Amino acid sequence: MSESIAEKIKNYRTAPFDARFPNTNQTRNCFQNYLDFHRCNKALSSKGQDVTPCQWYQKVYDSLCPMSWVEEWDEQVENGSFPGKI
């Protein structure tokens, strides 16, 4: 893992601007980062690689998403009923 990624994760304060989600409502941004985190973890874990870069997505969705949503989505992932494609 490069030092620049580790430094970005360490110095993270709040979600940066994402041109895919220019509107005030950040619901889709929240959901997309949740999906990206789980996809990243799944992809790197299956290859036996370090999953530390995936923490970036986790920090973004933690700062954007209400915790009640994240808890519900985590339960759905565990039960196999999550609506997103991971």
PDB file of N, CA and C in Angstrom:
ATOM      1  N   MET A   1       0.850  -1.183   0.000  1.00  0.00           N
ATOM      2  CA  MET A   1       0.000   0.000   0.000  1.00  0.00           C
ATOM      3  C   MET A   1       0.886   1.234   0.000  1.00  0.00           C
ATOM      4  N   SER A   2       0.528   2.183  -0.823  1.00  0.00           N
ATOM      5  CA  SER A   2       1.349   3.384  -0.882  1.00  0.00           C
ATOM      6  C   SER A   2       1.086   4.284   0.311  1.00  0.00           C
ATOM      7  N   GLU A   3       2.067   5.075   0.666  1.00  0.00           N
ATOM      8  CA  GLU A   3       1.950   5.996   1.796  1.00  0.00           C
ATOM      9  C   GLU A   3       0.887   7.056   1.547  1.00  0.00           C
ATOM     10  N   SER A   4       0.688   7.436   0.301  1.00  0.00           N
ATOM     11  CA  SER A   4      -0.289   8.487   0.020  1.00  0.00           C
ATOM     12  C   SER A   4      -1.697   8.054   0.409  1.00  0.00           C
ATOM     13  N   ILE A   5      -2.058   6.803   0.168  1.00  0.00           N
ATOM     14  CA  ILE A   5      -3.377   6.303   0.554  1.00  0.00           C
ATOM     15  C   ILE A   5      -3.502   6.266   2.073  1.00  0.00           C
ATOM     16  N   ALA A   6      -2.464   5.782   2.734  1.00  0.00           N
ATOM     17  CA  ALA A   6      -2.483   5.726   4.196  1.00  0.00           C
ATOM     18  C   ALA A   6      -2.593   7.121   4.795  1.00  0.00           C
ATOM     19  N   GLU A   7      -1.890   8.081   4.201  1.00  0.00           N
ATOM     20  CA  GLU A   7      -1.963   9.463   4.683  1.00  0.00           C
ATOM     21  C   GLU A   7      -3.346  10.054   4.471  1.00  0.00           C
ATOM     22  N   LYS A   8      -3.958   9.787   3.325  1.00  0.00           N
ATOM     23  CA  LYS A   8      -5.302  10.297   3.065  1.00  0.00           C
ATOM     24  C   LYS A   8      -6.302   9.740   4.063  1.00  0.00           C
ATOM     25  N   ILE A   9      -6.199   8.456   4.357  1.00  0.00           N
ATOM     26  CA  ILE A   9      -7.099   7.841   5.323  1.00  0.00           C
ATOM     27  C   ILE A   9      -6.866   8.425   6.709  1.00  0.00           C
ATOM     28  N   LYS A  10      -5.615   8.605   7.066  1.00  0.00           N
ATOM     29  CA  LYS A  10      -5.282   9.147   8.388  1.00  0.00           C
ATOM     30  C   LYS A  10      -5.784  10.579   8.551  1.00  0.00           C
ATOM     31  N   ASN A  11      -5.662  11.385   7.506  1.00  0.00           N
ATOM     32  CA  ASN A  11      -6.029  12.806   7.564  1.00  0.00           C
ATOM     33  C   ASN A  11      -7.471  13.073   7.159  1.00  0.00           C
ATOM     34  N   TYR A  12      -8.278  12.042   7.001  1.00  0.00           N
ATOM     35  CA  TYR A  12      -9.658  12.193   6.559  1.00  0.00           C
ATOM     36  C   TYR A  12     -10.457  13.023   7.556  1.00  0.00           C
ATOM     37  N   ARG A  13     -11.223  13.997   7.053  1.00  0.00           N
ATOM     38  CA  ARG A  13     -12.077  14.833   7.906  1.00  0.00           C
ATOM     39  C   ARG A  13     -13.549  14.666   7.556  1.00  0.00           C
ATOM     40  N   THR A  14     -13.879  14.848   6.273  1.00  0.00           N
ATOM     41  CA  THR A  14     -15.259  14.716   5.815  1.00  0.00           C
ATOM     42  C   THR A  14     -15.251  14.297   4.347  1.00  0.00           C
ATOM     43  N   ALA A  15     -16.399  13.865   3.882  1.00  0.00           N
ATOM     44  CA  ALA A  15     -16.497  13.370   2.512  1.00  0.00           C
ATOM     45  C   ALA A  15     -16.151  14.468   1.509  1.00  0.00           C
ATOM     46  N   PRO A  16     -15.252  14.186   0.569  1.00  0.00           N
ATOM     47  CA  PRO A  16     -14.905  15.177  -0.453  1.00  0.00           C
ATOM     48  C   PRO A  16     -16.017  15.282  -1.494  1.00  0.00           C
ATOM     49  N   PHE A  17     -15.974  16.317  -2.298  1.00  0.00           N
ATOM     50  CA  PHE A  17     -16.948  16.482  -3.371  1.00  0.00           C
ATOM     51  C   PHE A  17     -16.811  15.343  -4.364  1.00  0.00           C
ATOM     52  N   ASP A  18     -17.925  14.785  -4.772  1.00  0.00           N
ATOM     53  CA  ASP A  18     -17.953  13.730  -5.774  1.00  0.00           C
ATOM     54  C   ASP A  18     -18.822  14.219  -6.926  1.00  0.00           C
ATOM     55  N   ALA A  19     -18.254  14.396  -8.092  1.00  0.00           N
ATOM     56  CA  ALA A  19     -18.966  14.954  -9.240  1.00  0.00           C
ATOM     57  C   ALA A  19     -20.138  14.086  -9.684  1.00  0.00           C
ATOM     58  N   ARG A  20     -20.143  12.819  -9.297  1.00  0.00           N
ATOM     59  CA  ARG A  20     -21.278  11.964  -9.649  1.00  0.00           C
ATOM     60  C   ARG A  20     -22.530  12.342  -8.879  1.00  0.00           C
ATOM     61  N   PHE A  21     -22.362  13.046  -7.748  1.00  0.00           N
ATOM     62  CA  PHE A  21     -23.475  13.407  -6.889  1.00  0.00           C
ATOM     63  C   PHE A  21     -23.424  14.896  -6.569  1.00  0.00           C
ATOM     64  N   PRO A  22     -23.749  15.758  -7.545  1.00  0.00           N
ATOM     65  CA  PRO A  22     -23.585  17.203  -7.354  1.00  0.00           C
ATOM     66  C   PRO A  22     -24.682  17.859  -6.518  1.00  0.00           C
ATOM     67  N   ASN A  23     -25.785  17.171  -6.287  1.00  0.00           N
ATOM     68  CA  ASN A  23     -26.910  17.771  -5.585  1.00  0.00           C
ATOM     69  C   ASN A  23     -26.708  17.770  -4.072  1.00  0.00           C
ATOM     70  N   THR A  24     -27.550  18.535  -3.410  1.00  0.00           N
ATOM     71  CA  THR A  24     -27.491  18.628  -1.954  1.00  0.00           C
ATOM     72  C   THR A  24     -27.821  17.292  -1.303  1.00  0.00           C
ATOM     73  N   ASN A  25     -28.798  16.580  -1.840  1.00  0.00           N
ATOM     74  CA  ASN A  25     -29.197  15.287  -1.283  1.00  0.00           C
ATOM     75  C   ASN A  25     -28.087  14.262  -1.545  1.00  0.00           C
ATOM     76  N   GLN A  26     -27.485  13.763  -0.493  1.00  0.00           N
ATOM     77  CA  GLN A  26     -26.341  12.862  -0.618  1.00  0.00           C
ATOM     78  C   GLN A  26     -26.694  11.401  -0.343  1.00  0.00           C
ATOM     79  N   THR A  27     -27.983  11.062  -0.430  1.00  0.00           N
ATOM     80  CA  THR A  27     -28.424   9.695  -0.165  1.00  0.00           C
ATOM     81  C   THR A  27     -27.760   8.701  -1.102  1.00  0.00           C
ATOM     82  N   ARG A  28     -27.747   8.991  -2.397  1.00  0.00           N
ATOM     83  CA  ARG A  28     -27.142   8.074  -3.361  1.00  0.00           C
ATOM     84  C   ARG A  28     -25.641   7.960  -3.136  1.00  0.00           C
ATOM     85  N   ASN A  29     -25.005   9.055  -2.768  1.00  0.00           N
ATOM     86  CA  ASN A  29     -23.573   9.045  -2.477  1.00  0.00           C
ATOM     87  C   ASN A  29     -23.294   8.121  -1.289  1.00  0.00           C
ATOM     88  N   CYS A  30     -24.108   8.249  -0.262  1.00  0.00           N
ATOM     89  CA  CYS A  30     -23.989   7.402   0.925  1.00  0.00           C
ATOM     90  C   CYS A  30     -24.078   5.927   0.536  1.00  0.00           C
ATOM     91  N   PHE A  31     -25.140   5.573  -0.201  1.00  0.00           N
ATOM     92  CA  PHE A  31     -25.374   4.186  -0.581  1.00  0.00           C
ATOM     93  C   PHE A  31     -24.257   3.657  -1.471  1.00  0.00           C
ATOM     94  N   GLN A  32     -23.799   4.460  -2.431  1.00  0.00           N
ATOM     95  CA  GLN A  32     -22.747   4.029  -3.348  1.00  0.00           C
ATOM     96  C   GLN A  32     -21.439   3.753  -2.608  1.00  0.00           C
ATOM     97  N   ASN A  33     -21.095   4.588  -1.639  1.00  0.00           N
ATOM     98  CA  ASN A  33     -19.869   4.358  -0.882  1.00  0.00           C
ATOM     99  C   ASN A  33     -19.984   3.125   0.008  1.00  0.00           C
ATOM    100  N   TYR A  34     -21.187   2.846   0.514  1.00  0.00           N
ATOM    101  CA  TYR A  34     -21.405   1.621   1.285  1.00  0.00           C
ATOM    102  C   TYR A  34     -21.165   0.405   0.383  1.00  0.00           C
ATOM    103  N   LEU A  35     -21.741   0.434  -0.823  1.00  0.00           N
ATOM    104  CA  LEU A  35     -21.527  -0.651  -1.777  1.00  0.00           C
ATOM    105  C   LEU A  35     -20.051  -0.779  -2.146  1.00  0.00           C
ATOM    106  N   ASP A  36     -19.399   0.347  -2.439  1.00  0.00           N
ATOM    107  CA  ASP A  36     -17.987   0.330  -2.838  1.00  0.00           C
ATOM    108  C   ASP A  36     -17.112  -0.260  -1.744  1.00  0.00           C
ATOM    109  N   PHE A  37     -17.422   0.050  -0.485  1.00  0.00           N
ATOM    110  CA  PHE A  37     -16.644  -0.508   0.627  1.00  0.00           C
ATOM    111  C   PHE A  37     -16.742  -2.033   0.638  1.00  0.00           C
ATOM    112  N   HIS A  38     -17.950  -2.546   0.532  1.00  0.00           N
ATOM    113  CA  HIS A  38     -18.127  -4.001   0.582  1.00  0.00           C
ATOM    114  C   HIS A  38     -17.574  -4.692  -0.662  1.00  0.00           C
ATOM    115  N   ARG A  39     -17.704  -4.057  -1.815  1.00  0.00           N
ATOM    116  CA  ARG A  39     -17.134  -4.627  -3.040  1.00  0.00           C
ATOM    117  C   ARG A  39     -15.615  -4.652  -2.970  1.00  0.00           C
ATOM    118  N   CYS A  40     -15.034  -3.574  -2.463  1.00  0.00           N
ATOM    119  CA  CYS A  40     -13.583  -3.484  -2.316  1.00  0.00           C
ATOM    120  C   CYS A  40     -13.075  -4.575  -1.369  1.00  0.00           C
ATOM    121  N   ASN A  41     -13.742  -4.695  -0.213  1.00  0.00           N
ATOM    122  CA  ASN A  41     -13.354  -5.731   0.754  1.00  0.00           C
ATOM    123  C   ASN A  41     -13.441  -7.120   0.138  1.00  0.00           C
ATOM    124  N   LYS A  42     -14.528  -7.384  -0.568  1.00  0.00           N
ATOM    125  CA  LYS A  42     -14.733  -8.695  -1.178  1.00  0.00           C
ATOM    126  C   LYS A  42     -13.659  -8.988  -2.230  1.00  0.00           C
ATOM    127  N   ALA A  43     -13.373  -8.001  -3.082  1.00  0.00           N
ATOM    128  CA  ALA A  43     -12.403  -8.185  -4.161  1.00  0.00           C
ATOM    129  C   ALA A  43     -10.989  -8.391  -3.623  1.00  0.00           C
ATOM    130  N   LEU A  44     -10.569  -7.552  -2.682  1.00  0.00           N
ATOM    131  CA  LEU A  44      -9.204  -7.662  -2.172  1.00  0.00           C
ATOM    132  C   LEU A  44      -9.033  -8.879  -1.268  1.00  0.00           C
ATOM    133  N   SER A  45     -10.056  -9.216  -0.504  1.00  0.00           N
ATOM    134  CA  SER A  45      -9.970 -10.400   0.363  1.00  0.00           C
ATOM    135  C   SER A  45      -9.853 -11.672  -0.456  1.00  0.00           C
ATOM    136  N   SER A  46     -10.600 -11.744  -1.570  1.00  0.00           N
ATOM    137  CA  SER A  46     -10.550 -12.946  -2.399  1.00  0.00           C
ATOM    138  C   SER A  46      -9.177 -13.131  -3.049  1.00  0.00           C
ATOM    139  N   LYS A  47      -8.437 -12.026  -3.228  1.00  0.00           N
ATOM    140  CA  LYS A  47      -7.093 -12.095  -3.809  1.00  0.00           C
ATOM    141  C   LYS A  47      -6.015 -12.209  -2.748  1.00  0.00           C
ATOM    142  N   GLY A  48      -6.427 -12.164  -1.478  1.00  0.00           N
ATOM    143  CA  GLY A  48      -5.458 -12.255  -0.393  1.00  0.00           C
ATOM    144  C   GLY A  48      -4.651 -10.981  -0.196  1.00  0.00           C
ATOM    145  N   GLN A  49      -5.181  -9.848  -0.641  1.00  0.00           N
ATOM    146  CA  GLN A  49      -4.469  -8.574  -0.531  1.00  0.00           C
ATOM    147  C   GLN A  49      -4.949  -7.801   0.691  1.00  0.00           C
ATOM    148  N   ASP A  50      -4.183  -6.789   1.035  1.00  0.00           N
ATOM    149  CA  ASP A  50      -4.507  -5.919   2.160  1.00  0.00           C
ATOM    150  C   ASP A  50      -5.750  -5.101   1.834  1.00  0.00           C
ATOM    151  N   VAL A  51      -6.724  -5.078   2.759  1.00  0.00           N
ATOM    152  CA  VAL A  51      -7.985  -4.360   2.537  1.00  0.00           C
ATOM    153  C   VAL A  51      -7.973  -2.947   3.115  1.00  0.00           C
ATOM    154  N   THR A  52      -6.821  -2.463   3.543  1.00  0.00           N
ATOM    155  CA  THR A  52      -6.722  -1.127   4.125  1.00  0.00           C
ATOM    156  C   THR A  52      -7.226  -0.023   3.191  1.00  0.00           C
ATOM    157  N   PRO A  53      -6.968  -0.059   1.879  1.00  0.00           N
ATOM    158  CA  PRO A  53      -7.500   1.007   1.011  1.00  0.00           C
ATOM    159  C   PRO A  53      -9.031   1.103   1.046  1.00  0.00           C
ATOM    160  N   CYS A  54      -9.709   0.043   1.397  1.00  0.00           N
ATOM    161  CA  CYS A  54     -11.170   0.043   1.464  1.00  0.00           C
ATOM    162  C   CYS A  54     -11.688   0.909   2.607  1.00  0.00           C
ATOM    163  N   GLN A  55     -10.842   1.195   3.563  1.00  0.00           N
ATOM    164  CA  GLN A  55     -11.264   2.014   4.693  1.00  0.00           C
ATOM    165  C   GLN A  55     -11.684   3.407   4.241  1.00  0.00           C
ATOM    166  N   TRP A  56     -11.170   3.869   3.117  1.00  0.00           N
ATOM    167  CA  TRP A  56     -11.559   5.184   2.605  1.00  0.00           C
ATOM    168  C   TRP A  56     -13.073   5.223   2.386  1.00  0.00           C
ATOM    169  N   TYR A  57     -13.612   4.201   1.707  1.00  0.00           N
ATOM    170  CA  TYR A  57     -15.050   4.156   1.454  1.00  0.00           C
ATOM    171  C   TYR A  57     -15.840   4.092   2.763  1.00  0.00           C
ATOM    172  N   GLN A  58     -15.314   3.356   3.715  1.00  0.00           N
ATOM    173  CA  GLN A  58     -15.990   3.247   5.007  1.00  0.00           C
ATOM    174  C   GLN A  58     -16.045   4.607   5.710  1.00  0.00           C
ATOM    175  N   LYS A  59     -14.965   5.336   5.670  1.00  0.00           N
ATOM    176  CA  LYS A  59     -14.946   6.653   6.306  1.00  0.00           C
ATOM    177  C   LYS A  59     -15.918   7.605   5.615  1.00  0.00           C
ATOM    178  N   VAL A  60     -16.028   7.512   4.302  1.00  0.00           N
ATOM    179  CA  VAL A  60     -16.946   8.381   3.573  1.00  0.00           C
ATOM    180  C   VAL A  60     -18.386   8.039   3.933  1.00  0.00           C
ATOM    181  N   TYR A  61     -18.744   6.758   3.884  1.00  0.00           N
ATOM    182  CA  TYR A  61     -20.136   6.445   4.203  1.00  0.00           C
ATOM    183  C   TYR A  61     -20.440   6.653   5.671  1.00  0.00           C
ATOM    184  N   ASP A  62     -19.458   6.503   6.544  1.00  0.00           N
ATOM    185  CA  ASP A  62     -19.690   6.808   7.965  1.00  0.00           C
ATOM    186  C   ASP A  62     -20.008   8.285   8.178  1.00  0.00           C
ATOM    187  N   SER A  63     -19.402   9.158   7.369  1.00  0.00           N
ATOM    188  CA  SER A  63     -19.649  10.584   7.543  1.00  0.00           C
ATOM    189  C   SER A  63     -20.924  11.043   6.832  1.00  0.00           C
ATOM    190  N   LEU A  64     -21.393  10.291   5.830  1.00  0.00           N
ATOM    191  CA  LEU A  64     -22.573  10.690   5.077  1.00  0.00           C
ATOM    192  C   LEU A  64     -23.869  10.020   5.527  1.00  0.00           C
ATOM    193  N   CYS A  65     -23.779   8.772   5.924  1.00  0.00           N
ATOM    194  CA  CYS A  65     -24.974   7.969   6.182  1.00  0.00           C
ATOM    195  C   CYS A  65     -25.426   8.035   7.641  1.00  0.00           C
ATOM    196  N   PRO A  66     -26.744   8.068   7.854  1.00  0.00           N
ATOM    197  CA  PRO A  66     -27.242   7.916   9.222  1.00  0.00           C
ATOM    198  C   PRO A  66     -26.896   6.514   9.738  1.00  0.00           C
ATOM    199  N   MET A  67     -26.488   6.417  10.962  1.00  0.00           N
ATOM    200  CA  MET A  67     -26.055   5.130  11.513  1.00  0.00           C
ATOM    201  C   MET A  67     -27.183   4.097  11.516  1.00  0.00           C
ATOM    202  N   SER A  68     -28.417   4.539  11.626  1.00  0.00           N
ATOM    203  CA  SER A  68     -29.535   3.592  11.594  1.00  0.00           C
ATOM    204  C   SER A  68     -29.602   2.885  10.237  1.00  0.00           C
ATOM    205  N   TRP A  69     -29.289   3.604   9.162  1.00  0.00           N
ATOM    206  CA  TRP A  69     -29.273   2.972   7.843  1.00  0.00           C
ATOM    207  C   TRP A  69     -28.162   1.938   7.762  1.00  0.00           C
ATOM    208  N   VAL A  70     -26.991   2.311   8.239  1.00  0.00           N
ATOM    209  CA  VAL A  70     -25.835   1.413   8.167  1.00  0.00           C
ATOM    210  C   VAL A  70     -26.102   0.150   8.975  1.00  0.00           C
ATOM    211  N   GLU A  71     -26.677   0.304  10.152  1.00  0.00           N
ATOM    212  CA  GLU A  71     -26.991  -0.865  10.983  1.00  0.00           C
ATOM    213  C   GLU A  71     -27.990  -1.779  10.274  1.00  0.00           C
ATOM    214  N   GLU A  72     -29.002  -1.182   9.655  1.00  0.00           N
ATOM    215  CA  GLU A  72     -30.001  -1.976   8.932  1.00  0.00           C
ATOM    216  C   GLU A  72     -29.371  -2.684   7.739  1.00  0.00           C
ATOM    217  N   TRP A  73     -28.526  -1.963   6.988  1.00  0.00           N
ATOM    218  CA  TRP A  73     -27.867  -2.576   5.833  1.00  0.00           C
ATOM    219  C   TRP A  73     -26.937  -3.698   6.267  1.00  0.00           C
ATOM    220  N   ASP A  74     -26.217  -3.510   7.374  1.00  0.00           N
ATOM    221  CA  ASP A  74     -25.330  -4.568   7.880  1.00  0.00           C
ATOM    222  C   ASP A  74     -26.125  -5.825   8.223  1.00  0.00           C
ATOM    223  N   GLU A  75     -27.282  -5.643   8.838  1.00  0.00           N
ATOM    224  CA  GLU A  75     -28.141  -6.786   9.158  1.00  0.00           C
ATOM    225  C   GLU A  75     -28.616  -7.475   7.884  1.00  0.00           C
ATOM    226  N   GLN A  76     -28.994  -6.683   6.883  1.00  0.00           N
ATOM    227  CA  GLN A  76     -29.453  -7.247   5.619  1.00  0.00           C
ATOM    228  C   GLN A  76     -28.330  -8.004   4.908  1.00  0.00           C
ATOM    229  N   VAL A  77     -27.113  -7.478   4.965  1.00  0.00           N
ATOM    230  CA  VAL A  77     -25.970  -8.173   4.352  1.00  0.00           C
ATOM    231  C   VAL A  77     -25.765  -9.518   5.035  1.00  0.00           C
ATOM    232  N   GLU A  78     -25.827  -9.538   6.371  1.00  0.00           N
ATOM    233  CA  GLU A  78     -25.654 -10.784   7.122  1.00  0.00           C
ATOM    234  C   GLU A  78     -26.752 -11.798   6.793  1.00  0.00           C
ATOM    235  N   ASN A  79     -27.992 -11.308   6.613  1.00  0.00           N
ATOM    236  CA  ASN A  79     -29.132 -12.198   6.339  1.00  0.00           C
ATOM    237  C   ASN A  79     -29.244 -12.581   4.883  1.00  0.00           C
ATOM    238  N   GLY A  80     -28.480 -11.954   4.014  1.00  0.00           N
ATOM    239  CA  GLY A  80     -28.536 -12.221   2.591  1.00  0.00           C
ATOM    240  C   GLY A  80     -29.716 -11.554   1.900  1.00  0.00           C
ATOM    241  N   SER A  81     -30.296 -10.537   2.516  1.00  0.00           N
ATOM    242  CA  SER A  81     -31.450  -9.865   1.930  1.00  0.00           C
ATOM    243  C   SER A  81     -31.157  -8.428   1.514  1.00  0.00           C
ATOM    244  N   PHE A  82     -29.869  -8.086   1.416  1.00  0.00           N
ATOM    245  CA  PHE A  82     -29.486  -6.729   1.044  1.00  0.00           C
ATOM    246  C   PHE A  82     -29.852  -6.484  -0.413  1.00  0.00           C
ATOM    247  N   PRO A  83     -30.506  -5.344  -0.715  1.00  0.00           N
ATOM    248  CA  PRO A  83     -30.968  -5.099  -2.085  1.00  0.00           C
ATOM    249  C   PRO A  83     -29.865  -4.734  -3.080  1.00  0.00           C
ATOM    250  N   GLY A  84     -28.714  -4.283  -2.601  1.00  0.00           N
ATOM    251  CA  GLY A  84     -27.631  -3.893  -3.504  1.00  0.00           C
ATOM    252  C   GLY A  84     -26.824  -5.087  -3.984  1.00  0.00           C
ATOM    253  N   LYS A  85     -26.100  -4.901  -5.064  1.00  0.00           N
ATOM    254  CA  LYS A  85     -25.255  -5.956  -5.638  1.00  0.00           C
ATOM    255  C   LYS A  85     -23.830  -5.784  -5.111  1.00  0.00           C
ATOM    256  N   ILE A  86     -23.446  -6.661  -4.216  1.00  0.00           N
ATOM    257  CA  ILE A  86     -22.097  -6.610  -3.637  1.00  0.00           C
ATOM    258  C   ILE A  86     -21.248  -7.689  -4.259  1.00  0.00           C
TER     259      ILE A  86
END
